[in-house]
Amino acid sequence: MRNSLIQTPSQTVGPFFAYGLTARQYGYKGGQIADAVIADETCPGERIVITGRVLDGAGAAIEDALVEIWQCDAVGRVAGPETPGFRGFGRCGTGIDPERRFRFETVRPGVPAGEGGAPHLSVILFMRGLLSHAFTRIYFPEDIAALAADPVLALVPEARRETLVARRLVAPGLPAYGFDIRMQGDGETVFFDV
């Protein structure tokens, strides 16, 4: 008999996560540590909006996914006292929008000094039936030279890299980017084993 410890299996993330993770979005009273505003109007840098949907294999929007984004500020710093108006991460559920979209307000990220690579947003996805959360990235289409030199993007087969690049949207207000996360099927988003 083999005597070894193994990790306890993950439990499915059900629709019950809304109360603790995105309480205000779903109308619950009480505090939460993150919402969909990662950087407010006092944060230096180009303010942008990121919007999209989480899609299943048939292309239908998933109504109870939770998208979490982590990023650096406009000059490549993590959140701290020297980054006014910048939280560094945010969460948005897809359940209350009629089209099941997520929407974040933030600043276009920079790259930390000495790291190289392309500016990006790190994305963590939680949803019902997904036993372990999924990790991906959002890159920006304007960063052509940096995309070509990004060490993480270089690990992805060239034909699949476009699944990690947002598209610029024509919309009133703040500059906007669209990014749909496809869980499987044609155009499935690349996910990373982190």
N, C-alpha and C. Protein backbone atom coordinates (compact mmCIF):
# COMPACT_ATOMS: atom_id res chain seq x y z
N MET A 1 0.83 -1.18 0.00
CA MET A 1 0.00 0.00 0.00
C MET A 1 0.88 1.24 0.00
N ARG A 2 0.58 2.13 -0.91
CA ARG A 2 1.36 3.35 -1.05
C ARG A 2 0.84 4.42 -0.09
N ASN A 3 1.72 5.01 0.67
CA ASN A 3 1.33 6.00 1.64
C ASN A 3 1.83 7.36 1.19
N SER A 4 0.99 8.07 0.43
CA SER A 4 1.39 9.41 -0.01
C SER A 4 0.20 10.36 0.09
N LEU A 5 0.51 11.59 0.31
CA LEU A 5 -0.53 12.60 0.40
C LEU A 5 -0.79 13.17 -0.98
N ILE A 6 -2.05 13.35 -1.29
CA ILE A 6 -2.39 13.99 -2.55
C ILE A 6 -3.31 15.16 -2.26
N GLN A 7 -3.36 16.07 -3.20
CA GLN A 7 -4.20 17.25 -3.05
C GLN A 7 -5.67 16.85 -3.05
N THR A 8 -6.45 17.50 -2.21
CA THR A 8 -7.89 17.28 -2.20
C THR A 8 -8.46 17.78 -3.52
N PRO A 9 -9.36 17.03 -4.14
CA PRO A 9 -9.92 17.47 -5.42
C PRO A 9 -10.64 18.81 -5.28
N SER A 10 -10.61 19.61 -6.35
CA SER A 10 -11.33 20.88 -6.37
C SER A 10 -12.83 20.62 -6.35
N GLN A 11 -13.55 21.57 -5.86
CA GLN A 11 -15.01 21.51 -5.89
C GLN A 11 -15.49 22.43 -7.00
N THR A 12 -16.61 22.09 -7.59
CA THR A 12 -17.14 22.94 -8.65
C THR A 12 -17.48 24.32 -8.09
N VAL A 13 -17.21 25.34 -8.87
CA VAL A 13 -17.56 26.70 -8.48
C VAL A 13 -18.97 26.93 -8.97
N GLY A 14 -19.90 27.06 -8.08
CA GLY A 14 -21.30 27.19 -8.47
C GLY A 14 -21.72 28.64 -8.57
N PRO A 15 -22.96 28.86 -8.86
CA PRO A 15 -23.45 30.23 -8.96
C PRO A 15 -23.43 30.94 -7.61
N PHE A 16 -23.13 30.20 -6.53
CA PHE A 16 -23.09 30.78 -5.19
C PHE A 16 -21.90 31.71 -4.97
N PHE A 17 -20.92 31.75 -5.87
CA PHE A 17 -19.75 32.59 -5.62
C PHE A 17 -20.04 34.08 -5.71
N ALA A 18 -21.16 34.46 -6.31
CA ALA A 18 -21.47 35.88 -6.50
C ALA A 18 -21.48 36.65 -5.19
N TYR A 19 -22.05 36.07 -4.16
CA TYR A 19 -22.20 36.79 -2.90
C TYR A 19 -20.84 37.24 -2.36
N GLY A 20 -19.85 36.38 -2.39
CA GLY A 20 -18.56 36.71 -1.81
C GLY A 20 -17.62 37.44 -2.73
N LEU A 21 -17.75 37.25 -4.02
CA LEU A 21 -16.75 37.79 -4.94
C LEU A 21 -17.21 39.03 -5.70
N THR A 22 -18.47 39.11 -6.02
CA THR A 22 -18.98 40.29 -6.74
C THR A 22 -20.33 40.69 -6.13
N ALA A 23 -20.34 40.86 -4.83
CA ALA A 23 -21.58 41.09 -4.09
C ALA A 23 -22.38 42.27 -4.61
N ARG A 24 -21.76 43.43 -4.77
CA ARG A 24 -22.50 44.62 -5.19
C ARG A 24 -23.11 44.45 -6.57
N GLN A 25 -22.40 43.76 -7.46
CA GLN A 25 -22.89 43.57 -8.82
C GLN A 25 -24.23 42.83 -8.82
N TYR A 26 -24.40 41.92 -7.89
CA TYR A 26 -25.61 41.11 -7.83
C TYR A 26 -26.63 41.63 -6.82
N GLY A 27 -26.38 42.85 -6.29
CA GLY A 27 -27.34 43.48 -5.41
C GLY A 27 -27.26 43.09 -3.95
N TYR A 28 -26.21 42.36 -3.56
CA TYR A 28 -26.05 42.02 -2.15
C TYR A 28 -25.44 43.19 -1.40
N LYS A 29 -25.88 43.41 -0.19
CA LYS A 29 -25.29 44.46 0.63
C LYS A 29 -23.99 43.93 1.23
N GLY A 30 -23.13 44.83 1.58
CA GLY A 30 -21.88 44.41 2.21
C GLY A 30 -20.70 44.70 1.32
N GLY A 31 -19.54 44.55 1.89
CA GLY A 31 -18.32 44.90 1.21
C GLY A 31 -17.79 43.81 0.31
N GLN A 32 -16.96 44.22 -0.57
CA GLN A 32 -16.20 43.29 -1.40
C GLN A 32 -14.88 43.96 -1.70
N ILE A 33 -13.87 43.17 -1.96
CA ILE A 33 -12.56 43.76 -2.14
C ILE A 33 -12.26 44.18 -3.57
N ALA A 34 -13.09 43.77 -4.52
CA ALA A 34 -12.83 44.13 -5.91
C ALA A 34 -14.13 44.23 -6.68
N ASP A 35 -14.15 45.15 -7.64
CA ASP A 35 -15.26 45.22 -8.58
C ASP A 35 -14.66 45.40 -9.97
N ALA A 36 -15.41 45.90 -10.90
CA ALA A 36 -14.95 45.97 -12.29
C ALA A 36 -14.20 47.26 -12.61
N VAL A 37 -13.94 48.10 -11.62
CA VAL A 37 -13.14 49.31 -11.83
C VAL A 37 -11.75 49.05 -11.25
N ILE A 38 -10.80 48.81 -12.13
CA ILE A 38 -9.43 48.52 -11.71
C ILE A 38 -8.65 49.82 -11.49
N ALA A 39 -8.94 50.82 -12.33
CA ALA A 39 -8.28 52.13 -12.23
C ALA A 39 -9.35 53.20 -12.40
N ASP A 40 -9.39 54.13 -11.46
CA ASP A 40 -10.39 55.20 -11.58
C ASP A 40 -9.81 56.40 -12.31
N GLU A 41 -10.59 57.47 -12.39
CA GLU A 41 -10.18 58.65 -13.17
C GLU A 41 -8.98 59.38 -12.59
N THR A 42 -8.58 59.09 -11.35
CA THR A 42 -7.41 59.75 -10.77
C THR A 42 -6.11 59.02 -11.12
N CYS A 43 -6.21 57.84 -11.70
CA CYS A 43 -5.02 57.04 -12.02
C CYS A 43 -4.38 57.56 -13.31
N PRO A 44 -3.08 57.85 -13.29
CA PRO A 44 -2.41 58.29 -14.52
C PRO A 44 -2.39 57.18 -15.57
N GLY A 45 -2.45 57.58 -16.83
CA GLY A 45 -2.40 56.62 -17.93
C GLY A 45 -3.63 56.72 -18.81
N GLU A 46 -3.59 56.01 -19.92
CA GLU A 46 -4.71 56.01 -20.86
C GLU A 46 -5.82 55.12 -20.32
N ARG A 47 -6.95 55.73 -19.98
CA ARG A 47 -8.09 54.96 -19.48
C ARG A 47 -8.74 54.20 -20.63
N ILE A 48 -9.09 52.95 -20.37
CA ILE A 48 -9.70 52.09 -21.38
C ILE A 48 -10.82 51.24 -20.76
N VAL A 49 -11.60 50.64 -21.63
CA VAL A 49 -12.64 49.69 -21.23
C VAL A 49 -12.35 48.38 -21.94
N ILE A 50 -12.47 47.28 -21.22
CA ILE A 50 -12.36 45.92 -21.77
C ILE A 50 -13.72 45.26 -21.59
N THR A 51 -14.28 44.76 -22.68
CA THR A 51 -15.57 44.10 -22.59
C THR A 51 -15.56 42.82 -23.40
N GLY A 52 -16.36 41.85 -22.99
CA GLY A 52 -16.43 40.60 -23.73
C GLY A 52 -17.40 39.64 -23.09
N ARG A 53 -17.45 38.44 -23.63
CA ARG A 53 -18.31 37.39 -23.10
C ARG A 53 -17.50 36.12 -22.95
N VAL A 54 -17.96 35.24 -22.09
CA VAL A 54 -17.39 33.90 -21.97
C VAL A 54 -18.35 32.99 -22.73
N LEU A 55 -17.81 32.28 -23.74
CA LEU A 55 -18.65 31.49 -24.64
C LEU A 55 -18.39 30.00 -24.48
N ASP A 56 -19.46 29.19 -24.56
CA ASP A 56 -19.29 27.73 -24.50
C ASP A 56 -18.94 27.19 -25.88
N GLY A 57 -18.85 25.88 -26.01
CA GLY A 57 -18.45 25.26 -27.26
C GLY A 57 -19.39 25.51 -28.42
N ALA A 58 -20.66 25.81 -28.13
CA ALA A 58 -21.64 26.11 -29.18
C ALA A 58 -21.70 27.60 -29.50
N GLY A 59 -20.89 28.41 -28.81
CA GLY A 59 -20.89 29.85 -29.04
C GLY A 59 -21.91 30.62 -28.23
N ALA A 60 -22.57 29.96 -27.28
CA ALA A 60 -23.55 30.64 -26.42
C ALA A 60 -22.85 31.27 -25.22
N ALA A 61 -23.32 32.43 -24.82
CA ALA A 61 -22.74 33.13 -23.68
C ALA A 61 -23.06 32.40 -22.38
N ILE A 62 -22.05 32.27 -21.53
CA ILE A 62 -22.21 31.61 -20.23
C ILE A 62 -22.69 32.67 -19.23
N GLU A 63 -23.78 32.36 -18.57
CA GLU A 63 -24.44 33.38 -17.76
C GLU A 63 -23.90 33.55 -16.35
N ASP A 64 -23.09 32.63 -15.88
CA ASP A 64 -22.65 32.77 -14.49
C ASP A 64 -21.14 32.59 -14.34
N ALA A 65 -20.39 33.10 -15.29
CA ALA A 65 -18.93 33.07 -15.18
C ALA A 65 -18.46 34.27 -14.37
N LEU A 66 -17.28 34.15 -13.82
CA LEU A 66 -16.66 35.27 -13.12
C LEU A 66 -15.28 35.46 -13.73
N VAL A 67 -15.01 36.67 -14.19
CA VAL A 67 -13.73 37.01 -14.81
C VAL A 67 -12.96 37.90 -13.84
N GLU A 68 -11.72 37.54 -13.58
CA GLU A 68 -10.86 38.33 -12.71
C GLU A 68 -9.65 38.76 -13.53
N ILE A 69 -9.29 40.03 -13.43
CA ILE A 69 -8.15 40.57 -14.17
C ILE A 69 -7.13 41.13 -13.19
N TRP A 70 -5.86 40.83 -13.45
CA TRP A 70 -4.72 41.39 -12.71
C TRP A 70 -3.84 42.10 -13.72
N GLN A 71 -3.26 43.23 -13.33
CA GLN A 71 -2.43 43.98 -14.26
C GLN A 71 -1.51 44.96 -13.55
N CYS A 72 -0.53 45.47 -14.31
CA CYS A 72 0.33 46.57 -13.86
C CYS A 72 -0.33 47.89 -14.25
N ASP A 73 0.12 48.98 -13.63
CA ASP A 73 -0.39 50.29 -14.04
C ASP A 73 0.27 50.72 -15.34
N ALA A 74 0.06 51.95 -15.74
CA ALA A 74 0.53 52.42 -17.05
C ALA A 74 2.05 52.43 -17.20
N VAL A 75 2.78 52.46 -16.10
CA VAL A 75 4.24 52.45 -16.19
C VAL A 75 4.85 51.13 -15.71
N GLY A 76 4.01 50.12 -15.51
CA GLY A 76 4.52 48.80 -15.17
C GLY A 76 4.68 48.50 -13.69
N ARG A 77 3.99 49.27 -12.84
CA ARG A 77 4.08 49.02 -11.40
C ARG A 77 2.86 48.23 -10.92
N VAL A 78 3.06 47.43 -9.87
CA VAL A 78 1.93 46.77 -9.22
C VAL A 78 1.26 47.78 -8.30
N ALA A 79 0.05 47.49 -7.87
CA ALA A 79 -0.69 48.43 -7.01
C ALA A 79 0.02 48.64 -5.69
N GLY A 80 0.02 49.89 -5.26
CA GLY A 80 0.64 50.25 -3.99
C GLY A 80 0.43 51.72 -3.72
N PRO A 81 1.06 52.26 -2.68
CA PRO A 81 0.87 53.66 -2.31
C PRO A 81 1.27 54.64 -3.42
N GLU A 82 2.20 54.24 -4.29
CA GLU A 82 2.65 55.14 -5.35
C GLU A 82 1.79 55.05 -6.61
N THR A 83 0.68 54.32 -6.54
CA THR A 83 -0.22 54.18 -7.70
C THR A 83 -1.62 54.65 -7.33
N PRO A 84 -1.82 55.97 -7.24
CA PRO A 84 -3.14 56.48 -6.81
C PRO A 84 -4.25 56.09 -7.80
N GLY A 85 -5.38 55.72 -7.24
CA GLY A 85 -6.54 55.38 -8.06
C GLY A 85 -6.43 54.05 -8.79
N PHE A 86 -5.41 53.26 -8.45
CA PHE A 86 -5.16 52.00 -9.15
C PHE A 86 -5.20 50.84 -8.17
N ARG A 87 -6.09 49.88 -8.41
CA ARG A 87 -6.27 48.74 -7.52
C ARG A 87 -5.40 47.55 -7.95
N GLY A 88 -5.17 47.39 -9.25
CA GLY A 88 -4.33 46.30 -9.74
C GLY A 88 -5.08 45.05 -10.13
N PHE A 89 -6.29 44.89 -9.63
CA PHE A 89 -7.11 43.74 -10.05
C PHE A 89 -8.58 44.09 -9.91
N GLY A 90 -9.39 43.32 -10.62
CA GLY A 90 -10.83 43.53 -10.55
C GLY A 90 -11.57 42.26 -10.89
N ARG A 91 -12.85 42.23 -10.52
CA ARG A 91 -13.70 41.07 -10.79
C ARG A 91 -15.01 41.53 -11.39
N CYS A 92 -15.52 40.72 -12.33
CA CYS A 92 -16.81 41.02 -12.93
C CYS A 92 -17.50 39.71 -13.28
N GLY A 93 -18.73 39.56 -12.85
CA GLY A 93 -19.54 38.40 -13.21
C GLY A 93 -20.31 38.68 -14.49
N THR A 94 -20.75 37.64 -15.14
CA THR A 94 -21.48 37.80 -16.41
C THR A 94 -22.99 37.66 -16.23
N GLY A 95 -23.46 37.49 -15.01
CA GLY A 95 -24.86 37.16 -14.79
C GLY A 95 -25.87 38.28 -14.87
N ILE A 96 -25.48 39.53 -14.68
CA ILE A 96 -26.50 40.57 -14.65
C ILE A 96 -26.63 41.33 -15.96
N ASP A 97 -25.65 41.28 -16.83
CA ASP A 97 -25.74 41.96 -18.12
C ASP A 97 -26.68 41.16 -19.03
N PRO A 98 -27.61 41.82 -19.73
CA PRO A 98 -28.55 41.08 -20.59
C PRO A 98 -27.86 40.24 -21.67
N GLU A 99 -26.69 40.69 -22.12
CA GLU A 99 -25.95 39.93 -23.13
C GLU A 99 -24.85 39.07 -22.52
N ARG A 100 -24.84 38.98 -21.18
CA ARG A 100 -23.88 38.16 -20.43
C ARG A 100 -22.44 38.59 -20.66
N ARG A 101 -22.22 39.90 -20.68
CA ARG A 101 -20.88 40.45 -20.88
C ARG A 101 -20.21 40.77 -19.55
N PHE A 102 -18.88 40.79 -19.59
CA PHE A 102 -18.10 41.38 -18.51
C PHE A 102 -17.60 42.71 -19.04
N ARG A 103 -17.33 43.65 -18.13
CA ARG A 103 -16.85 44.99 -18.54
C ARG A 103 -15.97 45.54 -17.44
N PHE A 104 -14.73 45.88 -17.81
CA PHE A 104 -13.78 46.44 -16.86
C PHE A 104 -13.37 47.84 -17.30
N GLU A 105 -13.20 48.73 -16.35
CA GLU A 105 -12.62 50.05 -16.59
C GLU A 105 -11.24 50.05 -15.95
N THR A 106 -10.24 50.45 -16.73
CA THR A 106 -8.86 50.40 -16.23
C THR A 106 -7.98 51.36 -17.02
N VAL A 107 -6.68 51.21 -16.90
CA VAL A 107 -5.72 51.93 -17.74
C VAL A 107 -4.96 50.91 -18.57
N ARG A 108 -4.49 51.36 -19.72
CA ARG A 108 -3.68 50.49 -20.55
C ARG A 108 -2.42 50.15 -19.77
N PRO A 109 -2.11 48.86 -19.59
CA PRO A 109 -0.98 48.48 -18.73
C PRO A 109 0.38 48.75 -19.36
N GLY A 110 1.36 48.97 -18.50
CA GLY A 110 2.74 49.04 -18.93
C GLY A 110 3.42 47.71 -18.62
N VAL A 111 4.71 47.66 -18.89
CA VAL A 111 5.51 46.46 -18.63
C VAL A 111 6.54 46.81 -17.56
N PRO A 112 6.68 45.99 -16.52
CA PRO A 112 7.66 46.29 -15.48
C PRO A 112 9.07 46.46 -16.07
N ALA A 113 9.82 47.42 -15.52
CA ALA A 113 11.18 47.69 -15.99
C ALA A 113 12.02 46.42 -15.95
N GLY A 114 12.73 46.15 -17.02
CA GLY A 114 13.62 45.02 -17.10
C GLY A 114 12.97 43.70 -17.47
N GLU A 115 11.63 43.65 -17.57
CA GLU A 115 10.96 42.39 -17.88
C GLU A 115 10.78 42.15 -19.37
N GLY A 116 10.60 43.18 -20.14
CA GLY A 116 10.35 42.99 -21.57
C GLY A 116 8.99 42.37 -21.82
N GLY A 117 8.73 42.01 -23.05
CA GLY A 117 7.44 41.44 -23.39
C GLY A 117 6.44 42.52 -23.71
N ALA A 118 5.23 42.11 -23.99
CA ALA A 118 4.16 43.03 -24.40
C ALA A 118 3.24 43.35 -23.22
N PRO A 119 2.69 44.57 -23.19
CA PRO A 119 1.69 44.88 -22.18
C PRO A 119 0.53 43.90 -22.28
N HIS A 120 0.01 43.48 -21.14
CA HIS A 120 -1.08 42.50 -21.15
C HIS A 120 -1.86 42.57 -19.85
N LEU A 121 -3.03 41.96 -19.86
CA LEU A 121 -3.83 41.75 -18.67
C LEU A 121 -3.82 40.26 -18.39
N SER A 122 -3.61 39.87 -17.15
CA SER A 122 -3.68 38.46 -16.76
C SER A 122 -5.12 38.18 -16.36
N VAL A 123 -5.69 37.10 -16.89
CA VAL A 123 -7.10 36.78 -16.68
C VAL A 123 -7.22 35.43 -15.98
N ILE A 124 -8.08 35.40 -14.96
CA ILE A 124 -8.43 34.16 -14.27
C ILE A 124 -9.94 33.99 -14.43
N LEU A 125 -10.35 32.81 -14.85
CA LEU A 125 -11.75 32.56 -15.12
C LEU A 125 -12.29 31.48 -14.18
N PHE A 126 -13.43 31.78 -13.54
CA PHE A 126 -14.12 30.85 -12.68
C PHE A 126 -15.52 30.64 -13.26
N MET A 127 -16.05 29.43 -13.17
CA MET A 127 -17.43 29.21 -13.60
C MET A 127 -17.91 27.84 -13.17
N ARG A 128 -19.22 27.69 -13.17
CA ARG A 128 -19.84 26.42 -12.80
C ARG A 128 -19.33 25.32 -13.73
N GLY A 129 -19.00 24.18 -13.16
CA GLY A 129 -18.53 23.05 -13.95
C GLY A 129 -17.05 23.06 -14.25
N LEU A 130 -16.37 24.15 -13.95
CA LEU A 130 -14.93 24.25 -14.17
C LEU A 130 -14.26 23.96 -12.82
N LEU A 131 -13.68 22.78 -12.68
CA LEU A 131 -13.17 22.35 -11.39
C LEU A 131 -11.93 23.11 -10.94
N SER A 132 -11.13 23.56 -11.86
CA SER A 132 -9.98 24.41 -11.56
C SER A 132 -10.09 25.64 -12.43
N HIS A 133 -9.84 26.81 -11.87
CA HIS A 133 -9.98 28.02 -12.67
C HIS A 133 -8.98 28.01 -13.82
N ALA A 134 -9.30 28.75 -14.86
CA ALA A 134 -8.50 28.81 -16.08
C ALA A 134 -7.75 30.14 -16.14
N PHE A 135 -6.55 30.10 -16.70
CA PHE A 135 -5.70 31.28 -16.81
C PHE A 135 -5.45 31.60 -18.28
N THR A 136 -5.56 32.88 -18.62
CA THR A 136 -5.21 33.31 -19.97
C THR A 136 -4.69 34.74 -19.89
N ARG A 137 -4.46 35.34 -21.03
CA ARG A 137 -3.97 36.72 -21.09
C ARG A 137 -4.72 37.48 -22.16
N ILE A 138 -4.75 38.81 -22.01
CA ILE A 138 -5.28 39.69 -23.05
C ILE A 138 -4.14 40.62 -23.47
N TYR A 139 -3.80 40.57 -24.74
CA TYR A 139 -2.81 41.48 -25.32
C TYR A 139 -3.54 42.52 -26.17
N PHE A 140 -2.83 43.56 -26.59
CA PHE A 140 -3.42 44.66 -27.33
C PHE A 140 -2.90 44.69 -28.77
N PRO A 141 -3.79 44.91 -29.75
CA PRO A 141 -3.39 44.80 -31.17
C PRO A 141 -2.38 45.85 -31.62
N GLU A 142 -2.30 46.98 -30.95
CA GLU A 142 -1.37 48.05 -31.36
C GLU A 142 0.09 47.72 -31.06
N ASP A 143 0.34 46.75 -30.21
CA ASP A 143 1.70 46.45 -29.75
C ASP A 143 2.40 45.42 -30.63
N ILE A 144 2.41 45.64 -31.92
CA ILE A 144 2.91 44.64 -32.88
C ILE A 144 4.35 44.21 -32.58
N ALA A 145 5.25 45.16 -32.41
CA ALA A 145 6.66 44.80 -32.16
C ALA A 145 6.82 44.06 -30.84
N ALA A 146 6.14 44.54 -29.79
CA ALA A 146 6.24 43.89 -28.49
C ALA A 146 5.61 42.49 -28.51
N LEU A 147 4.53 42.32 -29.27
CA LEU A 147 3.91 41.00 -29.38
C LEU A 147 4.87 40.00 -30.00
N ALA A 148 5.61 40.44 -31.00
CA ALA A 148 6.56 39.55 -31.68
C ALA A 148 7.69 39.12 -30.74
N ALA A 149 7.99 39.95 -29.72
CA ALA A 149 9.10 39.65 -28.81
C ALA A 149 8.64 39.11 -27.46
N ASP A 150 7.33 38.93 -27.27
CA ASP A 150 6.83 38.49 -25.97
C ASP A 150 7.17 37.02 -25.73
N PRO A 151 7.90 36.70 -24.64
CA PRO A 151 8.33 35.31 -24.41
C PRO A 151 7.19 34.35 -24.13
N VAL A 152 6.11 34.80 -23.50
CA VAL A 152 4.98 33.91 -23.22
C VAL A 152 4.20 33.65 -24.50
N LEU A 153 3.96 34.69 -25.28
CA LEU A 153 3.23 34.53 -26.54
C LEU A 153 4.02 33.64 -27.51
N ALA A 154 5.33 33.68 -27.42
CA ALA A 154 6.17 32.83 -28.28
C ALA A 154 5.97 31.34 -28.00
N LEU A 155 5.48 30.99 -26.83
CA LEU A 155 5.21 29.59 -26.48
C LEU A 155 3.93 29.05 -27.14
N VAL A 156 3.11 29.96 -27.64
CA VAL A 156 1.82 29.60 -28.23
C VAL A 156 1.99 29.39 -29.74
N PRO A 157 1.44 28.32 -30.30
CA PRO A 157 1.53 28.14 -31.76
C PRO A 157 1.00 29.39 -32.48
N GLU A 158 1.70 29.80 -33.52
CA GLU A 158 1.37 31.04 -34.21
C GLU A 158 -0.09 31.12 -34.63
N ALA A 159 -0.65 30.03 -35.09
CA ALA A 159 -2.04 30.02 -35.55
C ALA A 159 -3.05 30.28 -34.42
N ARG A 160 -2.63 30.10 -33.17
CA ARG A 160 -3.54 30.27 -32.03
C ARG A 160 -3.33 31.59 -31.27
N ARG A 161 -2.30 32.33 -31.62
CA ARG A 161 -1.98 33.56 -30.88
C ARG A 161 -3.09 34.61 -30.95
N GLU A 162 -3.80 34.64 -32.05
CA GLU A 162 -4.85 35.66 -32.20
C GLU A 162 -5.95 35.51 -31.14
N THR A 163 -6.08 34.33 -30.52
CA THR A 163 -7.09 34.15 -29.48
C THR A 163 -6.74 34.91 -28.20
N LEU A 164 -5.54 35.44 -28.13
CA LEU A 164 -5.09 36.19 -26.96
C LEU A 164 -5.02 37.70 -27.20
N VAL A 165 -5.38 38.14 -28.40
CA VAL A 165 -5.27 39.56 -28.74
C VAL A 165 -6.67 40.17 -28.82
N ALA A 166 -6.89 41.22 -28.03
CA ALA A 166 -8.18 41.92 -28.04
C ALA A 166 -8.36 42.63 -29.38
N ARG A 167 -9.58 43.00 -29.66
CA ARG A 167 -9.85 43.79 -30.87
C ARG A 167 -10.29 45.19 -30.43
N ARG A 168 -9.84 46.19 -31.16
CA ARG A 168 -10.21 47.57 -30.85
C ARG A 168 -11.65 47.79 -31.30
N LEU A 169 -12.46 48.36 -30.46
CA LEU A 169 -13.87 48.62 -30.77
C LEU A 169 -14.08 50.09 -31.09
N VAL A 170 -15.01 50.37 -31.94
CA VAL A 170 -15.42 51.74 -32.21
C VAL A 170 -16.62 52.00 -31.32
N ALA A 171 -16.44 52.83 -30.31
CA ALA A 171 -17.50 53.07 -29.35
C ALA A 171 -17.32 54.47 -28.77
N PRO A 172 -18.42 55.12 -28.37
CA PRO A 172 -18.28 56.43 -27.74
C PRO A 172 -17.66 56.29 -26.36
N GLY A 173 -17.07 57.35 -25.87
CA GLY A 173 -16.48 57.32 -24.53
C GLY A 173 -15.03 56.89 -24.55
N LEU A 174 -14.65 56.16 -23.53
CA LEU A 174 -13.27 55.70 -23.39
C LEU A 174 -12.89 54.76 -24.52
N PRO A 175 -11.60 54.72 -24.90
CA PRO A 175 -11.17 53.70 -25.87
C PRO A 175 -11.57 52.32 -25.35
N ALA A 176 -12.10 51.49 -26.25
CA ALA A 176 -12.65 50.21 -25.83
C ALA A 176 -12.04 49.06 -26.62
N TYR A 177 -11.91 47.93 -25.94
CA TYR A 177 -11.39 46.70 -26.54
C TYR A 177 -12.38 45.57 -26.25
N GLY A 178 -12.56 44.70 -27.24
CA GLY A 178 -13.40 43.53 -27.07
C GLY A 178 -12.54 42.28 -26.96
N PHE A 179 -12.94 41.37 -26.09
CA PHE A 179 -12.21 40.12 -25.92
C PHE A 179 -13.17 39.05 -25.44
N ASP A 180 -13.55 38.15 -26.33
CA ASP A 180 -14.40 37.02 -25.95
C ASP A 180 -13.52 35.84 -25.56
N ILE A 181 -13.90 35.17 -24.51
CA ILE A 181 -13.19 33.98 -24.04
C ILE A 181 -13.98 32.77 -24.50
N ARG A 182 -13.42 32.00 -25.41
CA ARG A 182 -14.09 30.80 -25.93
C ARG A 182 -13.54 29.58 -25.21
N MET A 183 -14.43 28.88 -24.52
CA MET A 183 -14.01 27.75 -23.69
C MET A 183 -13.61 26.52 -24.49
N GLN A 184 -14.20 26.33 -25.67
CA GLN A 184 -13.85 25.20 -26.52
C GLN A 184 -14.40 25.45 -27.92
N GLY A 185 -14.03 24.59 -28.85
CA GLY A 185 -14.54 24.71 -30.21
C GLY A 185 -13.68 25.61 -31.07
N ASP A 186 -14.24 26.04 -32.21
CA ASP A 186 -13.52 26.91 -33.14
C ASP A 186 -13.07 28.19 -32.44
N GLY A 187 -11.81 28.53 -32.58
CA GLY A 187 -11.28 29.74 -31.97
C GLY A 187 -11.14 29.67 -30.47
N GLU A 188 -11.03 28.45 -29.92
CA GLU A 188 -10.88 28.30 -28.47
C GLU A 188 -9.72 29.15 -27.97
N THR A 189 -9.97 29.88 -26.90
CA THR A 189 -8.94 30.72 -26.29
C THR A 189 -7.82 29.84 -25.76
N VAL A 190 -6.59 30.31 -25.88
CA VAL A 190 -5.45 29.60 -25.32
C VAL A 190 -5.47 29.83 -23.80
N PHE A 191 -5.37 28.71 -23.05
CA PHE A 191 -5.29 28.77 -21.60
C PHE A 191 -3.93 28.26 -21.18
N PHE A 192 -3.40 28.80 -20.09
CA PHE A 192 -2.07 28.46 -19.62
C PHE A 192 -2.15 27.56 -18.39
N ASP A 193 -1.23 26.62 -18.29
CA ASP A 193 -1.13 25.74 -17.14
C ASP A 193 -0.23 26.43 -16.12
N VAL A 194 -0.82 27.12 -15.17
CA VAL A 194 -0.07 27.91 -14.20
C VAL A 194 -0.03 27.19 -12.87
